[in-house]
Amino acid sequence: MEDSPWQTLTLIVSLEAIFLSAFVMIGQNRQAEFTRKKADHDYLSQELELRHNTQLTELVHTLTVEIHKAVNAAAADETDAGENAEQVPTATA
C-alpha cells in the first residue's frame, strides 16, 4: 500500500475529467455540424417555397387582370349593343 493514496486518486480523477470533457466536446461538435446542415437545408427549402409562391402569386395576378379585361370588354359590348338597339328603328307593319 501507498503511504498517501491521494496523489494517485487525484491523478486518476483528473485523467477521467480530461477524457470526459474531450468526449463531450466531440459530441457537441457533431451536434453543431448536424444543426448547421439542417439549417442550410431548411433555408434552401424555404427559398424554393418562396420562389414557388411568388410565381403562383404572379400567375394569379396575371389571370385576374385578364379576367377583369374580359369582363370589362363584355360589359362594354353589351352597353354598345344596347345603345345600338335603341337607335335602330323597328319596322312595324
Protein backbone atom coordinates (compact mmCIF):
# COMPACT_ATOMS: atom_id res chain seq x y z
CA MET A 1 0.00 0.00 0.00
CA GLU A 2 0.97 3.52 -0.61
CA ASP A 3 1.67 5.89 2.16
CA SER A 4 -0.60 8.52 0.64
CA PRO A 5 -3.14 7.31 -2.00
CA TRP A 6 -4.45 10.86 -2.51
CA GLN A 7 -1.96 11.74 -5.20
CA THR A 8 -2.86 8.67 -7.27
CA LEU A 9 -6.57 9.29 -6.73
CA THR A 10 -6.18 12.92 -7.84
CA LEU A 11 -4.30 11.80 -10.95
CA ILE A 12 -7.00 9.26 -11.84
CA VAL A 13 -9.85 11.74 -11.31
CA SER A 14 -8.02 14.39 -13.37
CA LEU A 15 -7.49 11.97 -16.26
CA GLU A 16 -11.15 10.96 -16.09
CA ALA A 17 -12.18 14.62 -16.28
CA ILE A 18 -9.90 15.19 -19.28
CA PHE A 19 -11.36 12.24 -21.20
CA LEU A 20 -14.91 13.14 -20.24
CA SER A 21 -14.51 16.73 -21.41
CA ALA A 22 -12.96 15.52 -24.69
CA PHE A 23 -15.93 13.22 -25.34
CA VAL A 24 -18.41 15.98 -24.50
CA MET A 25 -16.69 18.37 -26.90
CA ILE A 26 -16.71 15.75 -29.68
CA GLY A 27 -20.44 15.25 -29.12
CA GLN A 28 -21.07 18.99 -29.20
CA ASN A 29 -19.13 19.35 -32.45
CA ARG A 30 -21.20 16.58 -34.04
CA GLN A 31 -24.42 18.19 -32.84
CA ALA A 32 -23.30 21.60 -34.13
CA GLU A 33 -22.50 20.11 -37.55
CA PHE A 34 -25.90 18.39 -37.68
CA THR A 35 -27.65 21.63 -36.69
CA ARG A 36 -25.76 23.60 -39.34
CA LYS A 37 -26.65 21.10 -42.08
CA LYS A 38 -30.30 21.13 -41.01
CA ALA A 39 -30.37 24.94 -41.01
CA ASP A 40 -28.85 25.00 -44.52
CA HIS A 41 -31.44 22.50 -45.74
CA ASP A 42 -34.29 24.45 -44.15
CA TYR A 43 -33.05 27.68 -45.71
CA LEU A 44 -32.86 26.15 -49.19
CA SER A 45 -36.30 24.58 -48.91
CA GLN A 46 -37.80 27.87 -47.68
CA GLU A 47 -36.19 29.76 -50.56
CA LEU A 48 -37.60 27.25 -53.03
CA GLU A 49 -41.05 27.53 -51.43
CA LEU A 50 -40.87 31.34 -51.54
CA ARG A 51 -39.91 31.28 -55.23
CA HIS A 52 -42.78 28.90 -55.98
CA ASN A 53 -45.28 31.03 -54.05
CA THR A 54 -44.07 34.16 -55.82
CA GLN A 55 -44.58 32.54 -59.21
CA LEU A 56 -48.07 31.43 -58.23
CA THR A 57 -48.93 34.91 -56.96
CA GLU A 58 -47.73 36.49 -60.20
CA LEU A 59 -49.74 33.96 -62.21
CA VAL A 60 -52.88 34.66 -60.17
CA HIS A 61 -52.36 38.40 -60.68
CA THR A 62 -51.96 37.95 -64.45
CA LEU A 63 -55.09 35.80 -64.65
CA THR A 64 -57.04 38.30 -62.55
CA VAL A 65 -56.04 41.16 -64.85
CA GLU A 66 -57.07 39.13 -67.91
CA ILE A 67 -60.43 38.24 -66.35
CA HIS A 68 -61.08 41.88 -65.50
CA LYS A 69 -60.25 42.91 -69.06
CA ALA A 70 -62.57 40.23 -70.47
CA VAL A 71 -65.42 41.20 -68.13
CA ASN A 72 -64.99 44.90 -68.89
CA ALA A 73 -64.88 44.19 -72.66
CA ALA A 74 -68.04 42.07 -72.42
CA ALA A 75 -69.79 44.78 -70.42
CA ALA A 76 -68.73 47.41 -72.95
CA ASP A 77 -70.01 45.23 -75.83
CA GLU A 78 -73.36 44.79 -74.05
CA THR A 79 -73.60 48.53 -73.47
CA ASP A 80 -72.80 49.26 -77.14
CA ALA A 81 -75.32 46.67 -78.32
CA GLY A 82 -78.00 48.13 -76.05
CA GLU A 83 -77.38 51.66 -77.33
CA ASN A 84 -77.45 50.47 -80.95
CA ALA A 85 -80.72 48.61 -80.39
CA GLU A 86 -82.32 51.75 -79.05
CA GLN A 87 -81.10 53.78 -82.05
CA VAL A 88 -82.26 51.34 -84.75
CA PRO A 89 -85.91 51.94 -85.59
CA THR A 90 -88.03 48.88 -85.81
CA ALA A 91 -90.42 48.48 -88.68
CA THR A 92 -93.99 47.85 -87.75
CA ALA A 93 -96.49 46.55 -90.19
